[in-house]
Amino acid sequence: MKKKLLLIILLLIFVKTYSQETINANQGFVENKEYFSKMKYENKNGKIIIKVSIDKNEYDFLIDTGSTTAISEDLFNLIRTKKLGSVKINDQSGITDSLEVVSIPEIKINDIEFKEIPVFVSKNNLNPIFECFKIDGIIGSNLLRNSTIQFDSQKSEIILTNDSKNLGLKKRDAIEMKVSEMQSNPFIPIKLIKENHEGNGYVLFDSGDNDFYVISNTAYHQLQSQVDIFETIAKNVGTFSMGLFGTANENEHLALKIKKLKIADIDFNNVTTKTTYGETSRIGSELLKFGKVTLDYKKERFWLESFNEKKSIKLSERMWPIEPILNKNNEIVVGIIWDNSLKNKVNLGDKILQFGNIDYENMKYCEILNLTSKVNKSKAKLIYQDKNTKETKELELNSL
């Protein structure tokens, strides 16, 4: 992974409570008894987009294993649905709101018919993901829970089948996968290793998250109290995440380096990560760059097959001393200052105008979210506007 200025947009959804009731997202069924279907997907800056059919019309949906199935408010107004109720939702940024829940008579993916699937209705103008990635909805794990799905990034292809045996996979190569009770989110075991020290735990496999690995504050503190496996690169207060309901409040975050992260029989070395709000750590879609990934929801198995048969992969991403965030005015601003020596020079909330060769000032917010340009040098110039004086300033930054 190359060095880049990261903007993190998270789609993870958790069902909480509504009037002392919980709506189980694990409802509905697959009409087909047996099925095996290949389809191409479009990769939009790490987001996996496929075509689905509802009421004989075609729509673009994001595949997000860390989410429940959802649709835009615009699509909700176009199609037949049955209201199930409302739920309070706590997104991964830690912000709470309520969403309407409906069921859709049929969602068709190629020739596979998914019936009576509960979906959340995302409110217009609340989440830029729908507008900026031009999607109409999200395929979540509650829809996938009776299927096996395989991701192949080299072919930009996914396979959906009723049985993982149809893929010719060996049971002995699989690792155990756990699924959540209310919406079938998939959790896989990982190992964090530093010399003779080892920490174990389950993390969410979240195909809607662009990152490789993000560790929750809760998991970090639990592991840190038990075993010495983290190298702290930096520590500070701020925010760098956005969820369904907006930008998270400021919290303490740490930038960490992990010598080795093990998934199945593959070692990922020199992993950098940041702690984030909430209790759930995640492996994101960055994993798909390194091999085929298969999730068998019914048998609760997970396969990772390296593309080049390497069992040890060195990651090379390094961090910059500031972390950007898209604020409520759709501007890129400083969300965290990792390097304390910059605190008298840069403020939280300063507007970022340019970083390296990337001109943020003249970009619309959807262009920012779809940005794939990278700063590949160890030094880069930051041009920013001081939020207090409105003065434009320049600063040379060194990667951490």
Protein backbone atom coordinates (compact mmCIF):
# COMPACT_ATOMS: atom_id res chain seq x y z
CA MET A 1 0.00 0.00 0.00
CA LYS A 2 1.34 3.41 -0.93
CA LYS A 3 1.39 6.40 1.35
CA LYS A 4 -1.66 8.59 0.96
CA LEU A 5 -3.74 11.13 2.79
CA LEU A 6 -6.70 9.12 3.98
CA LEU A 7 -10.32 10.10 4.16
CA ILE A 8 -12.26 7.41 5.94
CA ILE A 9 -15.97 6.88 5.32
CA LEU A 10 -17.53 3.98 7.18
CA LEU A 11 -20.80 2.22 6.49
CA LEU A 12 -21.01 -0.19 9.39
CA ILE A 13 -24.54 -0.43 10.80
CA PHE A 14 -25.65 -1.97 14.10
CA VAL A 15 -29.25 -2.73 15.03
CA LYS A 16 -30.01 -1.54 18.56
CA THR A 17 -33.51 -1.18 20.04
CA TYR A 18 -36.85 0.41 19.27
CA SER A 19 -39.56 0.67 21.95
CA GLN A 20 -38.02 -2.27 23.84
CA GLU A 21 -38.22 -4.33 20.62
CA THR A 22 -35.49 -5.50 18.29
CA ILE A 23 -36.13 -6.09 14.60
CA ASN A 24 -34.31 -9.19 13.46
CA ALA A 25 -32.68 -8.45 10.10
CA ASN A 26 -32.23 -12.19 9.50
CA GLN A 27 -35.57 -12.64 7.78
CA GLY A 28 -36.48 -13.60 4.23
CA PHE A 29 -35.23 -16.46 2.07
CA VAL A 30 -33.68 -17.48 -1.25
CA GLU A 31 -36.22 -18.81 -3.76
CA ASN A 32 -33.61 -20.87 -5.64
CA LYS A 33 -32.75 -24.20 -4.03
CA GLU A 34 -29.46 -24.54 -5.91
CA TYR A 35 -27.54 -21.75 -7.58
CA PHE A 36 -24.09 -20.81 -8.83
CA SER A 37 -23.78 -17.37 -10.37
CA LYS A 38 -20.75 -15.34 -11.49
CA MET A 39 -20.95 -11.60 -11.98
CA LYS A 40 -18.57 -8.74 -12.63
CA TYR A 41 -18.34 -5.88 -10.18
CA GLU A 42 -17.15 -2.31 -10.47
CA ASN A 43 -14.50 -1.18 -8.01
CA LYS A 44 -15.12 2.45 -7.05
CA ASN A 45 -12.24 3.44 -4.79
CA GLY A 46 -12.44 0.20 -2.83
CA LYS A 47 -16.24 -0.04 -2.94
CA ILE A 48 -17.65 -3.14 -4.66
CA ILE A 49 -20.67 -2.26 -6.83
CA ILE A 50 -22.94 -4.77 -8.59
CA LYS A 51 -26.22 -4.67 -10.53
CA VAL A 52 -29.43 -5.91 -8.92
CA SER A 53 -33.00 -6.03 -10.16
CA ILE A 54 -36.08 -4.87 -8.24
CA ASP A 55 -39.54 -4.76 -9.87
CA LYS A 56 -37.83 -5.55 -13.21
CA ASN A 57 -35.66 -2.42 -13.01
CA GLU A 58 -31.88 -2.45 -12.61
CA TYR A 59 -30.07 -0.65 -9.78
CA ASP A 60 -26.51 -0.27 -8.47
CA PHE A 61 -25.84 -1.75 -5.01
CA LEU A 62 -22.72 -1.78 -2.85
CA ILE A 63 -21.73 -5.14 -1.34
CA ASP A 64 -20.98 -4.42 2.32
CA THR A 65 -20.53 -7.46 4.56
CA GLY A 66 -20.27 -5.18 7.60
CA SER A 67 -23.75 -3.78 7.06
CA THR A 68 -27.36 -4.78 6.90
CA THR A 69 -29.11 -4.39 3.55
CA ALA A 70 -30.21 -0.80 2.91
CA ILE A 71 -31.79 1.35 0.20
CA SER A 72 -31.84 5.05 -0.53
CA GLU A 73 -34.90 7.10 0.28
CA ASP A 74 -35.31 7.78 -3.45
CA LEU A 75 -35.46 4.06 -4.24
CA PHE A 76 -37.85 3.51 -1.33
CA ASN A 77 -40.26 5.96 -2.97
CA LEU A 78 -40.12 4.02 -6.27
CA ILE A 79 -40.61 0.39 -5.24
CA ARG A 80 -43.11 -1.82 -3.41
CA THR A 81 -42.22 -2.41 0.24
CA LYS A 82 -43.80 -3.55 3.49
CA LYS A 83 -43.10 -1.51 6.62
CA LEU A 84 -41.59 -3.47 9.51
CA GLY A 85 -40.96 -0.61 11.95
CA SER A 86 -38.10 1.66 12.98
CA VAL A 87 -34.88 1.03 14.85
CA LYS A 88 -32.26 3.07 16.62
CA ILE A 89 -28.96 2.75 14.80
CA ASN A 90 -25.48 3.29 16.19
CA ASP A 91 -23.04 3.81 13.32
CA GLN A 92 -19.30 3.09 13.55
CA SER A 93 -18.58 6.74 14.33
CA GLY A 94 -20.65 6.34 17.50
CA ILE A 95 -23.55 8.59 16.48
CA THR A 96 -27.15 7.46 17.05
CA ASP A 97 -30.30 8.12 15.01
CA SER A 98 -33.32 6.12 13.86
CA LEU A 99 -34.08 4.56 10.48
CA GLU A 100 -37.20 3.06 8.96
CA VAL A 101 -37.11 -0.68 8.24
CA VAL A 102 -39.09 -2.26 5.38
CA SER A 103 -39.08 -5.57 3.54
CA ILE A 104 -38.74 -5.88 -0.24
CA PRO A 105 -40.77 -8.63 -1.98
CA GLU A 106 -37.87 -9.58 -4.26
CA ILE A 107 -34.27 -8.53 -4.89
CA LYS A 108 -32.79 -10.35 -7.86
CA ILE A 109 -29.03 -10.76 -8.37
CA ASN A 110 -28.48 -12.34 -11.78
CA ASP A 111 -30.88 -15.28 -11.64
CA ILE A 112 -30.92 -15.58 -7.83
CA GLU A 113 -34.14 -14.41 -6.17
CA PHE A 114 -33.95 -13.09 -2.59
CA LYS A 115 -37.42 -12.75 -1.05
CA GLU A 116 -38.81 -10.59 1.78
CA ILE A 117 -35.43 -9.22 2.88
CA PRO A 118 -35.53 -6.52 5.62
CA VAL A 119 -33.78 -3.33 4.54
CA PHE A 120 -33.01 0.00 6.18
CA VAL A 121 -34.07 3.20 4.43
CA SER A 122 -31.23 5.73 4.40
CA LYS A 123 -32.47 9.30 4.65
CA ASN A 124 -31.70 11.67 1.78
CA ASN A 125 -28.86 14.15 2.30
CA LEU A 126 -27.72 12.23 5.38
CA ASN A 127 -25.10 9.92 3.92
CA PRO A 128 -22.92 11.06 0.97
CA ILE A 129 -22.07 7.44 0.09
CA PHE A 130 -25.28 6.98 -1.90
CA GLU A 131 -24.87 10.17 -3.90
CA CYS A 132 -21.11 10.14 -4.39
CA PHE A 133 -20.77 6.50 -5.42
CA LYS A 134 -24.04 6.69 -7.36
CA ILE A 135 -25.57 3.68 -5.64
CA ASP A 136 -29.19 2.93 -4.89
CA GLY A 137 -28.63 0.52 -2.04
CA ILE A 138 -26.41 -1.81 -0.05
CA ILE A 139 -26.30 -5.61 -0.11
CA GLY A 140 -25.62 -6.56 3.49
CA SER A 141 -24.88 -9.77 5.34
CA ASN A 142 -28.51 -10.38 6.31
CA LEU A 143 -29.26 -10.97 2.60
CA LEU A 144 -26.12 -13.10 2.13
CA ARG A 145 -26.64 -15.24 5.24
CA ASN A 146 -27.91 -18.34 3.35
CA SER A 147 -25.22 -18.17 0.67
CA THR A 148 -21.51 -18.46 0.00
CA ILE A 149 -19.87 -15.44 -1.61
CA GLN A 150 -16.40 -15.35 -3.17
CA PHE A 151 -14.50 -12.16 -4.06
CA ASP A 152 -11.82 -12.27 -6.79
CA SER A 153 -10.29 -8.81 -7.23
CA GLN A 154 -7.98 -9.93 -10.05
CA LYS A 155 -11.03 -10.71 -12.20
CA SER A 156 -13.28 -8.03 -10.62
CA GLU A 157 -15.71 -10.88 -10.09
CA ILE A 158 -17.86 -12.33 -7.36
CA ILE A 159 -19.52 -15.73 -7.19
CA LEU A 160 -22.72 -16.43 -5.27
CA THR A 161 -23.65 -20.05 -4.62
CA ASN A 162 -25.80 -22.07 -2.25
CA ASP A 163 -22.89 -24.38 -1.29
CA SER A 164 -19.16 -23.68 -0.91
CA LYS A 165 -18.48 -27.19 -2.26
CA ASN A 166 -19.32 -25.78 -5.70
CA LEU A 167 -16.11 -23.72 -5.52
CA GLY A 168 -13.78 -26.69 -5.06
CA LEU A 169 -12.44 -25.40 -1.76
CA LYS A 170 -10.87 -27.67 0.83
CA LYS A 171 -12.39 -27.70 4.29
CA ARG A 172 -8.95 -27.99 5.91
CA ASP A 173 -7.92 -24.64 4.37
CA ALA A 174 -10.84 -22.79 5.96
CA ILE A 175 -10.86 -20.94 9.26
CA GLU A 176 -13.84 -20.63 11.56
CA MET A 177 -16.16 -17.69 10.95
CA LYS A 178 -18.76 -16.49 13.43
CA VAL A 179 -21.88 -14.59 12.37
CA SER A 180 -23.86 -12.16 14.53
CA GLU A 181 -27.27 -13.27 15.73
CA MET A 182 -29.40 -10.36 14.53
CA GLN A 183 -27.90 -9.54 11.11
CA SER A 184 -25.26 -12.19 10.31
CA ASN A 185 -22.22 -9.91 10.27
CA PRO A 186 -19.15 -12.15 9.67
CA PHE A 187 -16.34 -12.24 12.25
CA ILE A 188 -13.02 -13.97 11.57
CA PRO A 189 -10.11 -14.85 13.90
CA ILE A 190 -6.79 -13.03 13.60
CA LYS A 191 -3.51 -13.18 15.49
CA LEU A 192 -1.36 -10.16 16.35
CA ILE A 193 2.25 -11.22 16.90
CA LYS A 194 5.37 -9.50 18.19
CA GLU A 195 8.32 -11.84 18.74
CA ASN A 196 7.15 -14.27 21.46
CA HIS A 197 4.02 -12.30 22.30
CA GLU A 198 0.67 -13.06 20.69
CA GLY A 199 -2.82 -11.59 20.92
CA ASN A 200 -5.92 -13.29 19.50
CA GLY A 201 -9.39 -12.08 18.69
CA TYR A 202 -12.26 -11.95 16.24
CA VAL A 203 -12.70 -9.00 13.87
CA LEU A 204 -15.47 -8.05 11.49
CA PHE A 205 -14.75 -8.71 7.81
CA ASP A 206 -16.18 -5.50 6.36
CA SER A 207 -16.07 -5.28 2.56
CA GLY A 208 -17.58 -1.78 2.76
CA ASP A 209 -14.51 -0.40 4.56
CA ASN A 210 -11.52 0.58 2.38
CA ASP A 211 -8.90 -0.07 5.06
CA PHE A 212 -6.82 -3.16 5.71
CA TYR A 213 -7.16 -3.27 9.51
CA VAL A 214 -8.75 -0.92 12.02
CA ILE A 215 -8.69 -1.72 15.72
CA SER A 216 -11.36 -0.49 18.13
CA ASN A 217 -10.42 1.41 21.28
CA THR A 218 -12.04 -1.37 23.30
CA ALA A 219 -10.02 -4.15 21.66
CA TYR A 220 -6.79 -2.17 21.93
CA HIS A 221 -7.13 -1.57 25.66
CA GLN A 222 -8.11 -5.19 26.31
CA LEU A 223 -5.13 -6.56 24.39
CA GLN A 224 -2.68 -3.96 25.66
CA SER A 225 -3.50 -4.88 29.26
CA GLN A 226 -2.69 -8.54 28.55
CA VAL A 227 0.23 -8.65 26.11
CA ASP A 228 2.92 -6.39 24.62
CA ILE A 229 2.25 -6.47 20.86
CA PHE A 230 1.78 -2.81 19.85
CA GLU A 231 4.27 -0.09 18.98
CA THR A 232 2.69 3.33 19.53
CA ILE A 233 3.54 5.71 16.69
CA ALA A 234 1.43 8.61 17.96
CA LYS A 235 -1.40 9.45 20.35
CA ASN A 236 -3.83 12.34 20.29
CA VAL A 237 -7.42 13.60 20.50
CA GLY A 238 -9.53 14.25 17.42
CA THR A 239 -11.76 12.51 14.89
CA PHE A 240 -11.18 10.81 11.55
CA SER A 241 -14.38 8.89 10.92
CA MET A 242 -17.78 9.51 9.40
CA GLY A 243 -20.74 7.17 9.59
CA LEU A 244 -24.35 7.21 8.47
CA PHE A 245 -25.24 10.17 10.65
CA GLY A 246 -22.22 12.43 10.26
CA THR A 247 -18.82 13.13 11.76
CA ALA A 248 -17.90 11.49 15.05
CA ASN A 249 -17.19 13.49 18.19
CA GLU A 250 -13.58 14.02 19.24
CA ASN A 251 -12.06 11.05 21.08
CA GLU A 252 -8.60 9.86 22.00
CA HIS A 253 -6.98 7.86 19.17
CA LEU A 254 -3.69 6.05 18.77
CA ALA A 255 -1.62 5.32 15.68
CA LEU A 256 -0.07 1.88 16.04
CA LYS A 257 2.35 -0.45 14.32
CA ILE A 258 1.95 -4.23 14.52
CA LYS A 259 4.89 -6.43 13.58
CA LYS A 260 2.76 -9.31 12.27
CA LEU A 261 -0.96 -9.86 11.69
CA LYS A 262 -1.94 -13.41 10.77
CA ILE A 263 -5.11 -14.41 8.89
CA ALA A 264 -5.46 -18.13 8.18
CA ASP A 265 -1.94 -19.20 7.15
CA ILE A 266 -0.85 -15.84 5.72
CA ASP A 267 1.33 -13.38 7.65
CA PHE A 268 0.96 -9.64 7.01
CA ASN A 269 4.03 -7.79 8.27
CA ASN A 270 4.59 -4.15 9.23
CA VAL A 271 0.89 -3.32 9.68
CA THR A 272 -0.04 0.24 10.64
CA THR A 273 -3.46 1.00 12.08
CA LYS A 274 -5.41 3.51 14.12
CA THR A 275 -7.81 3.00 16.99
CA THR A 276 -11.39 3.99 16.31
CA TYR A 277 -14.60 4.51 18.26
CA GLY A 278 -16.67 1.50 19.27
CA GLU A 279 -16.14 -2.10 20.25
CA THR A 280 -15.66 -3.69 16.82
CA SER A 281 -12.33 -4.07 15.02
CA ARG A 282 -12.41 -4.62 11.26
CA ILE A 283 -10.57 -6.12 8.31
CA GLY A 284 -11.61 -4.18 5.22
CA SER A 285 -11.65 -4.52 1.44
CA GLU A 286 -7.90 -3.84 1.22
CA LEU A 287 -7.52 -7.55 2.02
CA LEU A 288 -9.02 -8.40 -1.38
CA LYS A 289 -5.88 -7.10 -3.11
CA PHE A 290 -3.88 -10.01 -1.74
CA GLY A 291 -6.06 -13.02 -2.53
CA LYS A 292 -9.45 -14.60 -3.14
CA VAL A 293 -11.75 -14.25 -0.15
CA THR A 294 -14.66 -16.64 0.40
CA LEU A 295 -17.35 -16.49 3.09
CA ASP A 296 -19.63 -19.47 3.70
CA TYR A 297 -22.31 -17.98 5.93
CA LYS A 298 -24.28 -21.19 6.52
CA LYS A 299 -21.31 -23.36 7.52
CA GLU A 300 -19.49 -20.40 9.10
CA ARG A 301 -16.22 -20.84 7.23
CA PHE A 302 -13.77 -18.34 5.73
CA TRP A 303 -11.07 -18.88 3.11
CA LEU A 304 -8.18 -16.61 2.12
CA GLU A 305 -6.25 -17.83 -0.94
CA SER A 306 -3.12 -15.81 -1.77
CA PHE A 307 -2.91 -14.79 -5.44
CA ASN A 308 0.83 -15.48 -5.67
CA GLU A 309 0.94 -18.26 -3.06
CA LYS A 310 3.00 -16.05 -0.74
CA LYS A 311 2.56 -16.86 2.93
CA SER A 312 4.31 -13.70 4.11
CA ILE A 313 3.35 -10.25 2.78
CA LYS A 314 5.03 -6.99 3.78
CA LEU A 315 2.80 -3.93 3.92
CA SER A 316 4.41 -0.58 3.22
CA GLU A 317 1.84 2.09 4.08
CA ARG A 318 3.14 4.91 6.24
CA MET A 319 1.22 7.64 8.01
CA TRP A 320 1.18 11.42 7.75
CA PRO A 321 1.30 13.58 10.89
CA ILE A 322 -2.23 14.94 10.36
CA GLU A 323 -5.47 13.09 9.65
CA PRO A 324 -8.14 14.73 7.46
CA ILE A 325 -11.91 14.55 7.86
CA LEU A 326 -14.83 15.70 5.75
CA ASN A 327 -16.74 18.15 7.98
CA LYS A 328 -20.46 19.01 8.00
CA ASN A 329 -19.81 21.71 5.37
CA ASN A 330 -18.28 19.06 3.07
CA GLU A 331 -14.81 20.55 3.47
CA ILE A 332 -11.59 18.65 4.10
CA VAL A 333 -10.26 19.79 7.47
CA VAL A 334 -7.69 18.62 10.00
CA GLY A 335 -9.31 15.94 12.18
CA ILE A 336 -6.32 14.70 14.19
CA ILE A 337 -2.81 16.09 14.70
CA TRP A 338 -0.63 13.06 15.37
CA ASP A 339 2.63 15.01 15.66
CA ASN A 340 2.55 17.17 18.81
CA SER A 341 5.29 19.42 17.42
CA LEU A 342 2.71 20.74 14.92
CA LYS A 343 0.17 21.84 17.52
CA ASN A 344 1.34 25.44 17.54
CA LYS A 345 1.28 25.53 13.75
CA VAL A 346 -1.93 23.69 12.81
CA ASN A 347 -5.37 23.65 14.47
CA LEU A 348 -8.03 20.97 14.52
CA GLY A 349 -10.58 22.17 11.97
CA ASP A 350 -8.13 24.06 9.73
CA LYS A 351 -9.27 23.75 6.12
CA ILE A 352 -6.91 21.73 3.91
CA LEU A 353 -6.50 23.45 0.54
CA GLN A 354 -3.75 21.34 -1.00
CA PHE A 355 -1.60 18.40 -0.02
CA GLY A 356 1.28 17.44 -2.28
CA ASN A 357 -0.11 17.45 -5.81
CA ILE A 358 -3.74 17.09 -4.67
CA ASP A 359 -5.81 20.28 -4.91
CA TYR A 360 -8.69 19.92 -2.43
CA GLU A 361 -9.82 23.54 -2.61
CA ASN A 362 -11.40 23.20 -6.04
CA MET A 363 -12.91 19.76 -5.51
CA LYS A 364 -16.54 19.04 -4.81
CA TYR A 365 -17.10 16.67 -1.92
CA CYS A 366 -18.03 13.72 -4.14
CA GLU A 367 -14.76 14.18 -6.02
CA ILE A 368 -12.96 14.05 -2.68
CA LEU A 369 -14.67 10.79 -1.67
CA ASN A 370 -13.79 9.22 -5.02
CA LEU A 371 -10.21 10.47 -4.95
CA THR A 372 -7.61 7.85 -5.89
CA SER A 373 -4.56 10.12 -6.24
CA LYS A 374 -1.71 9.32 -3.87
CA VAL A 375 1.24 11.19 -2.43
CA ASN A 376 4.16 8.81 -2.85
CA LYS A 377 6.99 10.90 -1.43
CA SER A 378 8.25 10.94 2.15
CA LYS A 379 7.76 14.73 2.27
CA ALA A 380 4.86 16.82 1.00
CA LYS A 381 3.71 20.43 1.21
CA LEU A 382 0.48 21.19 3.07
CA ILE A 383 -1.39 24.38 2.14
CA TYR A 384 -4.19 25.17 4.57
CA GLN A 385 -6.41 27.95 5.89
CA ASP A 386 -6.16 28.81 9.58
CA LYS A 387 -9.69 28.52 11.02
CA ASN A 388 -9.09 31.41 13.43
CA THR A 389 -7.28 33.99 11.31
CA LYS A 390 -8.49 32.77 7.87
CA GLU A 391 -4.88 33.19 6.75
CA THR A 392 -3.52 30.79 4.12
CA LYS A 393 -0.41 29.00 5.38
CA GLU A 394 2.12 26.46 4.11
CA LEU A 395 3.88 23.68 5.95
CA GLU A 396 6.17 20.86 4.86
CA LEU A 397 5.17 17.51 6.37
CA ASN A 398 7.29 14.40 6.81
CA SER A 399 5.62 11.00 6.92
CA LEU A 400 5.77 9.29 10.31
